């Protein structure tokens, strides 16, 4: 998921620099959504780790 986030950020920056504003806005929006999902997942894993619940192992 991190790889997809990096690709979308690169697409947003390059398309914004070239003047494709609608494509840039769409890629930036998708990147924000994926970032939020990743952030929620990481926080959830940290909370579960502090509680002693290992869901990955």
PDB file of N, CA and C in Angstrom:
ATOM      1  N   UNK A   1       0.829  -1.182   0.000  1.00  0.00           N
ATOM      2  CA  UNK A   1       0.000   0.000   0.000  1.00  0.00           C
ATOM      3  C   UNK A   1       0.878   1.252   0.000  1.00  0.00           C
ATOM      4  N   UNK A   2       2.037   1.149   0.652  1.00  0.00           N
ATOM      5  CA  UNK A   2       2.951   2.278   0.666  1.00  0.00           C
ATOM      6  C   UNK A   2       3.477   2.568  -0.740  1.00  0.00           C
ATOM      7  N   UNK A   3       3.701   1.519  -1.504  1.00  0.00           N
ATOM      8  CA  UNK A   3       4.178   1.689  -2.874  1.00  0.00           C
ATOM      9  C   UNK A   3       3.134   2.427  -3.720  1.00  0.00           C
ATOM     10  N   UNK A   4       1.877   2.084  -3.547  1.00  0.00           N
ATOM     11  CA  UNK A   4       0.802   2.763  -4.279  1.00  0.00           C
ATOM     12  C   UNK A   4       0.729   4.230  -3.877  1.00  0.00           C
ATOM     13  N   UNK A   5       0.903   4.505  -2.597  1.00  0.00           N
ATOM     14  CA  UNK A   5       0.881   5.876  -2.111  1.00  0.00           C
ATOM     15  C   UNK A   5       2.006   6.691  -2.736  1.00  0.00           C
ATOM     16  N   UNK A   6       3.195   6.126  -2.794  1.00  0.00           N
ATOM     17  CA  UNK A   6       4.332   6.830  -3.379  1.00  0.00           C
ATOM     18  C   UNK A   6       4.104   7.087  -4.871  1.00  0.00           C
ATOM     19  N   UNK A   7       3.569   6.102  -5.573  1.00  0.00           N
ATOM     20  CA  UNK A   7       3.290   6.271  -7.002  1.00  0.00           C
ATOM     21  C   UNK A   7       2.263   7.376  -7.230  1.00  0.00           C
ATOM     22  N   UNK A   8       1.210   7.407  -6.422  1.00  0.00           N
ATOM     23  CA  UNK A   8       0.183   8.441  -6.583  1.00  0.00           C
ATOM     24  C   UNK A   8       0.726   9.828  -6.284  1.00  0.00           C
ATOM     25  N   UNK A   9       1.587   9.948  -5.304  1.00  0.00           N
ATOM     26  CA  UNK A   9       2.178  11.249  -4.995  1.00  0.00           C
ATOM     27  C   UNK A   9       3.058  11.712  -6.155  1.00  0.00           C
ATOM     28  N   UNK A  10       3.835  10.800  -6.723  1.00  0.00           N
ATOM     29  CA  UNK A  10       4.682  11.158  -7.861  1.00  0.00           C
ATOM     30  C   UNK A  10       3.827  11.566  -9.065  1.00  0.00           C
ATOM     31  N   UNK A  11       2.753  10.821  -9.317  1.00  0.00           N
ATOM     32  CA  UNK A  11       1.855  11.168 -10.432  1.00  0.00           C
ATOM     33  C   UNK A  11       1.226  12.539 -10.204  1.00  0.00           C
ATOM     34  N   UNK A  12       0.829  12.819  -8.969  1.00  0.00           N
ATOM     35  CA  UNK A  12       0.214  14.115  -8.674  1.00  0.00           C
ATOM     36  C   UNK A  12       1.195  15.261  -8.884  1.00  0.00           C
ATOM     37  N   UNK A  13       2.432  15.076  -8.449  1.00  0.00           N
ATOM     38  CA  UNK A  13       3.425  16.145  -8.597  1.00  0.00           C
ATOM     39  C   UNK A  13       3.784  16.367 -10.064  1.00  0.00           C
ATOM     40  N   UNK A  14       4.025  15.289 -10.787  1.00  0.00           N
ATOM     41  CA  UNK A  14       4.425  15.418 -12.187  1.00  0.00           C
ATOM     42  C   UNK A  14       3.276  15.987 -13.029  1.00  0.00           C
ATOM     43  N   UNK A  15       2.076  15.482 -12.828  1.00  0.00           N
ATOM     44  CA  UNK A  15       0.961  15.991 -13.629  1.00  0.00           C
ATOM     45  C   UNK A  15       0.633  17.434 -13.257  1.00  0.00           C
ATOM     46  N   UNK A  16       0.822  17.798 -12.003  1.00  0.00           N
ATOM     47  CA  UNK A  16       0.625  19.197 -11.621  1.00  0.00           C
ATOM     48  C   UNK A  16       1.656  20.112 -12.260  1.00  0.00           C
ATOM     49  N   UNK A  17       2.890  19.630 -12.345  1.00  0.00           N
ATOM     50  CA  UNK A  17       3.954  20.431 -12.963  1.00  0.00           C
ATOM     51  C   UNK A  17       3.728  20.587 -14.465  1.00  0.00           C
ATOM     52  N   UNK A  18       3.127  19.583 -15.088  1.00  0.00           N
ATOM     53  CA  UNK A  18       2.883  19.643 -16.526  1.00  0.00           C
ATOM     54  C   UNK A  18       1.570  20.347 -16.887  1.00  0.00           C
ATOM     55  N   UNK A  19       0.774  20.679 -15.882  1.00  0.00           N
ATOM     56  CA  UNK A  19      -0.442  21.438 -16.153  1.00  0.00           C
ATOM     57  C   UNK A  19      -1.712  20.613 -16.216  1.00  0.00           C
ATOM     58  N   UNK A  20      -1.630  19.324 -15.923  1.00  0.00           N
ATOM     59  CA  UNK A  20      -2.828  18.480 -15.918  1.00  0.00           C
ATOM     60  C   UNK A  20      -3.458  18.558 -14.526  1.00  0.00           C
ATOM     61  N   UNK A  21      -4.213  19.614 -14.290  1.00  0.00           N
ATOM     62  CA  UNK A  21      -4.679  19.888 -12.935  1.00  0.00           C
ATOM     63  C   UNK A  21      -5.736  18.894 -12.458  1.00  0.00           C
ATOM     64  N   UNK A  22      -6.607  18.437 -13.342  1.00  0.00           N
ATOM     65  CA  UNK A  22      -7.649  17.493 -12.916  1.00  0.00           C
ATOM     66  C   UNK A  22      -7.046  16.142 -12.559  1.00  0.00           C
ATOM     67  N   UNK A  23      -6.094  15.682 -13.343  1.00  0.00           N
ATOM     68  CA  UNK A  23      -5.406  14.433 -13.039  1.00  0.00           C
ATOM     69  C   UNK A  23      -4.621  14.562 -11.743  1.00  0.00           C
ATOM     70  N   UNK A  24      -3.994  15.701 -11.557  1.00  0.00           N
ATOM     71  CA  UNK A  24      -3.226  15.949 -10.344  1.00  0.00           C
ATOM     72  C   UNK A  24      -4.136  15.960  -9.117  1.00  0.00           C
ATOM     73  N   UNK A  25      -5.280  16.583  -9.224  1.00  0.00           N
ATOM     74  CA  UNK A  25      -6.214  16.635  -8.101  1.00  0.00           C
ATOM     75  C   UNK A  25      -6.750  15.247  -7.771  1.00  0.00           C
ATOM     76  N   UNK A  26      -7.039  14.462  -8.788  1.00  0.00           N
ATOM     77  CA  UNK A  26      -7.531  13.101  -8.546  1.00  0.00           C
ATOM     78  C   UNK A  26      -6.493  12.223  -7.889  1.00  0.00           C
ATOM     79  N   UNK A  27      -5.264  12.294  -8.360  1.00  0.00           N
ATOM     80  CA  UNK A  27      -4.189  11.492  -7.770  1.00  0.00           C
ATOM     81  C   UNK A  27      -3.911  11.939  -6.342  1.00  0.00           C
ATOM     82  N   UNK A  28      -3.960  13.237  -6.101  1.00  0.00           N
ATOM     83  CA  UNK A  28      -3.732  13.741  -4.741  1.00  0.00           C
ATOM     84  C   UNK A  28      -4.847  13.296  -3.795  1.00  0.00           C
ATOM     85  N   UNK A  29      -6.076  13.288  -4.269  1.00  0.00           N
ATOM     86  CA  UNK A  29      -7.193  12.838  -3.440  1.00  0.00           C
ATOM     87  C   UNK A  29      -7.055  11.360  -3.094  1.00  0.00           C
ATOM     88  N   UNK A  30      -6.720  10.537  -4.077  1.00  0.00           N
ATOM     89  CA  UNK A  30      -6.519   9.118  -3.809  1.00  0.00           C
ATOM     90  C   UNK A  30      -5.357   8.893  -2.852  1.00  0.00           C
ATOM     91  N   UNK A  31      -4.296   9.678  -2.993  1.00  0.00           N
ATOM     92  CA  UNK A  31      -3.151   9.560  -2.091  1.00  0.00           C
ATOM     93  C   UNK A  31      -3.549   9.915  -0.662  1.00  0.00           C
ATOM     94  N   UNK A  32      -4.381  10.925  -0.497  1.00  0.00           N
ATOM     95  CA  UNK A  32      -4.842  11.302   0.846  1.00  0.00           C
ATOM     96  C   UNK A  32      -5.677  10.195   1.471  1.00  0.00           C
ATOM     97  N   UNK A  33      -6.547   9.580   0.683  1.00  0.00           N
ATOM     98  CA  UNK A  33      -7.396   8.503   1.189  1.00  0.00           C
ATOM     99  C   UNK A  33      -6.550   7.308   1.612  1.00  0.00           C
ATOM    100  N   UNK A  34      -5.593   6.920   0.776  1.00  0.00           N
ATOM    101  CA  UNK A  34      -4.733   5.787   1.102  1.00  0.00           C
ATOM    102  C   UNK A  34      -3.878   6.101   2.321  1.00  0.00           C
ATOM    103  N   UNK A  35      -3.391   7.348   2.425  1.00  0.00           N
ATOM    104  CA  UNK A  35      -2.611   7.744   3.589  1.00  0.00           C
ATOM    105  C   UNK A  35      -3.439   7.640   4.862  1.00  0.00           C
ATOM    106  N   UNK A  36      -4.690   8.060   4.807  1.00  0.00           N
ATOM    107  CA  UNK A  36      -5.555   7.981   5.983  1.00  0.00           C
ATOM    108  C   UNK A  36      -5.804   6.531   6.393  1.00  0.00           C
ATOM    109  N   UNK A  37      -6.032   5.656   5.424  1.00  0.00           N
ATOM    110  CA  UNK A  37      -6.238   4.240   5.717  1.00  0.00           C
ATOM    111  C   UNK A  37      -4.993   3.646   6.351  1.00  0.00           C
ATOM    112  N   UNK A  38      -3.820   3.974   5.809  1.00  0.00           N
ATOM    113  CA  UNK A  38      -2.573   3.465   6.373  1.00  0.00           C
ATOM    114  C   UNK A  38      -2.353   3.991   7.781  1.00  0.00           C
ATOM    115  N   UNK A  39      -2.646   5.260   8.004  1.00  0.00           N
ATOM    116  CA  UNK A  39      -2.455   5.860   9.324  1.00  0.00           C
ATOM    117  C   UNK A  39      -3.360   5.207  10.359  1.00  0.00           C
ATOM    118  N   UNK A  40      -4.609   4.957  10.001  1.00  0.00           N
ATOM    119  CA  UNK A  40      -5.537   4.278  10.907  1.00  0.00           C
ATOM    120  C   UNK A  40      -5.041   2.869  11.212  1.00  0.00           C
ATOM    121  N   UNK A  41      -4.561   2.163  10.207  1.00  0.00           N
ATOM    122  CA  UNK A  41      -4.047   0.818  10.416  1.00  0.00           C
ATOM    123  C   UNK A  41      -2.837   0.789  11.327  1.00  0.00           C
ATOM    124  N   UNK A  42      -1.913   1.722  11.139  1.00  0.00           N
ATOM    125  CA  UNK A  42      -0.713   1.778  11.975  1.00  0.00           C
ATOM    126  C   UNK A  42      -1.073   2.108  13.419  1.00  0.00           C
ATOM    127  N   UNK A  43      -1.957   3.067  13.618  1.00  0.00           N
ATOM    128  CA  UNK A  43      -2.382   3.421  14.978  1.00  0.00           C
ATOM    129  C   UNK A  43      -3.083   2.240  15.642  1.00  0.00           C
ATOM    130  N   UNK A  44      -3.909   1.534  14.897  1.00  0.00           N
ATOM    131  CA  UNK A  44      -4.596   0.367  15.435  1.00  0.00           C
ATOM    132  C   UNK A  44      -3.604  -0.718  15.837  1.00  0.00           C
ATOM    133  N   UNK A  45      -2.597  -0.963  15.001  1.00  0.00           N
ATOM    134  CA  UNK A  45      -1.586  -1.950  15.342  1.00  0.00           C
ATOM    135  C   UNK A  45      -0.774  -1.550  16.568  1.00  0.00           C
ATOM    136  N   UNK A  46      -0.471  -0.275  16.710  1.00  0.00           N
ATOM    137  CA  UNK A  46       0.271   0.194  17.886  1.00  0.00           C
ATOM    138  C   UNK A  46      -0.565   0.026  19.150  1.00  0.00           C
ATOM    139  N   UNK A  47      -1.838   0.361  19.076  1.00  0.00           N
ATOM    140  CA  UNK A  47      -2.720   0.196  20.239  1.00  0.00           C
ATOM    141  C   UNK A  47      -2.826  -1.272  20.629  1.00  0.00           C
ATOM    142  N   UNK A  48      -3.000  -2.140  19.644  1.00  0.00           N
ATOM    143  CA  UNK A  48      -3.091  -3.570  19.939  1.00  0.00           C
ATOM    144  C   UNK A  48      -1.776  -4.112  20.488  1.00  0.00           C
ATOM    145  N   UNK A  49      -0.660  -3.580  20.022  1.00  0.00           N
ATOM    146  CA  UNK A  49       0.643  -4.024  20.530  1.00  0.00           C
ATOM    147  C   UNK A  49       0.805  -3.623  21.986  1.00  0.00           C
ATOM    148  N   UNK A  50       0.354  -2.440  22.362  1.00  0.00           N
ATOM    149  CA  UNK A  50       0.435  -2.005  23.761  1.00  0.00           C
ATOM    150  C   UNK A  50      -0.491  -2.816  24.649  1.00  0.00           C
ATOM    151  N   UNK A  51      -1.596  -3.299  24.084  1.00  0.00           N
ATOM    152  CA  UNK A  51      -2.522  -4.121  24.855  1.00  0.00           C
ATOM    153  C   UNK A  51      -2.039  -5.565  24.963  1.00  0.00           C
ATOM    154  N   UNK A  52      -1.031  -5.909  24.192  1.00  0.00           N
ATOM    155  CA  UNK A  52      -0.492  -7.263  24.254  1.00  0.00           C
ATOM    156  C   UNK A  52      -1.140  -8.226  23.302  1.00  0.00           C
ATOM    157  N   UNK A  53      -1.873  -7.723  22.343  1.00  0.00           N
ATOM    158  CA  UNK A  53      -2.547  -8.579  21.379  1.00  0.00           C
ATOM    159  C   UNK A  53      -1.725  -8.564  20.089  1.00  0.00           C
ATOM    160  N   UNK A  54      -1.195  -9.687  19.713  1.00  0.00           N
ATOM    161  CA  UNK A  54      -0.383  -9.777  18.499  1.00  0.00           C
ATOM    162  C   UNK A  54      -1.233 -10.389  17.397  1.00  0.00           C
ATOM    163  N   UNK A  55      -1.682  -9.563  16.449  1.00  0.00           N
ATOM    164  CA  UNK A  55      -2.527 -10.101  15.383  1.00  0.00           C
ATOM    165  C   UNK A  55      -1.697 -10.496  14.155  1.00  0.00           C
ATOM    166  N   UNK A  56      -0.435 -10.082  14.131  1.00  0.00           N
ATOM    167  CA  UNK A  56       0.396 -10.395  12.970  1.00  0.00           C
ATOM    168  C   UNK A  56       1.151 -11.701  13.137  1.00  0.00           C
ATOM    169  N   UNK A  57       1.271 -12.198  14.345  1.00  0.00           N
ATOM    170  CA  UNK A  57       2.083 -13.392  14.597  1.00  0.00           C
ATOM    171  C   UNK A  57       1.217 -14.538  15.064  1.00  0.00           C
TER     172      UNK A  57
END
